[in-house]
Amino acid sequence: MSTLAAASIGVVLVYSATRYEAATYFGVSPHYFVVRQAAYVVVGIVVMVVLAALDYRWLEHASAVLYVATILALLATFAVGQSTLGATRWIQLDPPYSPSSRSTCSCPSVWEHT
């Protein structure tokens, strides 16, 4: 319930912060950003419900594969990563991809089973 409250407050804050700028600076409807944020909230809720219904123990078997994929993605950052302010953290995709964010999920699952 608190997740829904936080998401709802976020949608209201996005609307109050962007309604003027959307029309003035971007030339789109004042509701453009709030509709977009609400769509992300709906997608997030659907993903949350689906993941809550799944049996999480399958990750135990997939943890080694996820770990190898994470290491390969981190190494790929050196080859094709975009350097910003002296640091290479992102792989330029649309949207940009940060391999280190995947490691926060896959590494603990591997460490748990070693």
Protein backbone atom coordinates (compact mmCIF):
# COMPACT_ATOMS: atom_id res chain seq x y z
CA MET A 1 0.00 0.00 0.00
CA SER A 2 2.87 2.38 0.75
CA THR A 3 4.28 1.71 -2.73
CA LEU A 4 1.03 2.87 -4.30
CA ALA A 5 1.01 5.95 -2.07
CA ALA A 6 4.60 6.82 -3.02
CA ALA A 7 3.87 6.28 -6.72
CA SER A 8 0.74 8.45 -6.52
CA ILE A 9 2.62 11.23 -4.77
CA GLY A 10 5.30 10.96 -7.45
CA VAL A 11 2.75 11.38 -10.23
CA VAL A 12 1.30 14.46 -8.52
CA LEU A 13 4.78 15.93 -8.03
CA VAL A 14 5.68 15.32 -11.67
CA TYR A 15 2.51 17.10 -12.74
CA SER A 16 3.07 20.08 -10.48
CA ALA A 17 6.71 20.39 -11.55
CA THR A 18 6.28 20.00 -15.30
CA ARG A 19 2.89 21.31 -16.41
CA TYR A 20 4.22 24.77 -17.23
CA GLU A 21 7.56 23.65 -18.70
CA ALA A 22 5.93 21.04 -20.93
CA ALA A 23 3.88 23.63 -22.78
CA THR A 24 6.37 26.48 -22.66
CA TYR A 25 9.73 24.86 -23.37
CA PHE A 26 8.88 21.55 -25.03
CA GLY A 27 5.78 22.56 -26.96
CA VAL A 28 3.75 19.54 -25.83
CA SER A 29 0.56 19.17 -23.84
CA PRO A 30 0.76 20.24 -20.19
CA HIS A 31 -0.27 16.68 -19.33
CA TYR A 32 2.46 15.00 -21.40
CA PHE A 33 4.87 14.22 -18.56
CA VAL A 34 2.19 13.23 -16.05
CA VAL A 35 0.62 10.79 -18.51
CA ARG A 36 4.02 9.35 -19.23
CA GLN A 37 4.80 9.00 -15.51
CA ALA A 38 1.41 7.41 -14.84
CA ALA A 39 2.07 4.89 -17.62
CA TYR A 40 5.39 3.98 -16.01
CA VAL A 41 3.61 3.54 -12.68
CA VAL A 42 1.08 1.19 -14.26
CA VAL A 43 3.82 -0.84 -15.95
CA GLY A 44 5.71 -0.98 -12.65
CA ILE A 45 2.66 -2.23 -10.78
CA VAL A 46 2.05 -4.93 -13.38
CA VAL A 47 5.70 -6.05 -13.17
CA MET A 48 5.51 -6.00 -9.37
CA VAL A 49 2.40 -8.21 -9.33
CA VAL A 50 3.90 -10.66 -11.84
CA LEU A 51 7.17 -10.94 -9.94
CA ALA A 52 5.33 -11.37 -6.63
CA ALA A 53 3.41 -14.29 -8.15
CA LEU A 54 6.55 -16.05 -9.43
CA ASP A 55 8.49 -18.58 -7.41
CA TYR A 56 11.79 -16.81 -6.70
CA ARG A 57 13.71 -20.07 -6.15
CA TRP A 58 14.32 -20.40 -9.89
CA LEU A 59 16.92 -17.65 -9.47
CA GLU A 60 19.05 -20.15 -7.55
CA HIS A 61 19.54 -22.14 -10.73
CA ALA A 62 19.94 -19.09 -12.94
CA SER A 63 22.39 -17.25 -10.69
CA ALA A 64 25.54 -18.57 -12.40
CA VAL A 65 24.25 -17.56 -15.85
CA LEU A 66 23.24 -14.12 -14.57
CA TYR A 67 26.66 -13.68 -12.97
CA VAL A 68 28.52 -14.56 -16.19
CA ALA A 69 26.26 -12.21 -18.17
CA THR A 70 26.99 -9.46 -15.65
CA ILE A 71 30.76 -9.96 -15.89
CA LEU A 72 30.57 -9.91 -19.70
CA ALA A 73 28.51 -6.72 -19.63
CA LEU A 74 31.00 -5.08 -17.27
CA LEU A 75 33.88 -6.07 -19.56
CA ALA A 76 31.96 -4.79 -22.59
CA THR A 77 31.92 -1.38 -20.92
CA PHE A 78 35.68 -1.13 -21.50
CA ALA A 79 35.27 -1.93 -25.21
CA VAL A 80 32.15 0.01 -26.20
CA GLY A 81 31.38 2.14 -23.14
CA GLN A 82 30.82 5.85 -23.28
CA SER A 83 33.28 7.96 -21.29
CA THR A 84 31.85 10.89 -19.37
CA LEU A 85 33.89 13.11 -17.07
CA GLY A 86 36.78 10.64 -17.14
CA ALA A 87 34.72 7.59 -16.14
CA THR A 88 33.31 4.86 -18.37
CA ARG A 89 30.07 3.64 -16.80
CA TRP A 90 27.48 3.35 -19.55
CA ILE A 91 26.99 1.36 -22.73
CA GLN A 92 25.39 3.67 -25.26
CA LEU A 93 22.04 2.11 -26.09
CA ASP A 94 18.59 3.65 -26.20
CA PRO A 95 18.08 4.08 -23.24
CA PRO A 96 21.69 4.01 -21.98
CA TYR A 97 22.58 0.83 -20.11
CA SER A 98 24.63 0.65 -16.91
CA PRO A 99 26.05 -2.86 -16.33
CA SER A 100 26.90 -2.03 -12.73
CA SER A 101 23.19 -1.78 -11.90
CA ARG A 102 22.73 -5.39 -12.98
CA SER A 103 25.55 -6.47 -10.68
CA THR A 104 23.62 -5.26 -7.64
CA CYS A 105 21.07 -7.99 -8.36
CA SER A 106 23.14 -10.85 -9.74
CA CYS A 107 26.24 -10.77 -7.52
CA PRO A 108 24.48 -11.29 -4.17
CA SER A 109 22.54 -14.24 -5.57
CA VAL A 110 25.82 -15.90 -6.63
CA TRP A 111 27.55 -15.11 -3.35
CA GLU A 112 24.69 -16.68 -1.46
CA HIS A 113 25.25 -20.01 -3.19
CA THR A 114 29.05 -20.18 -3.03
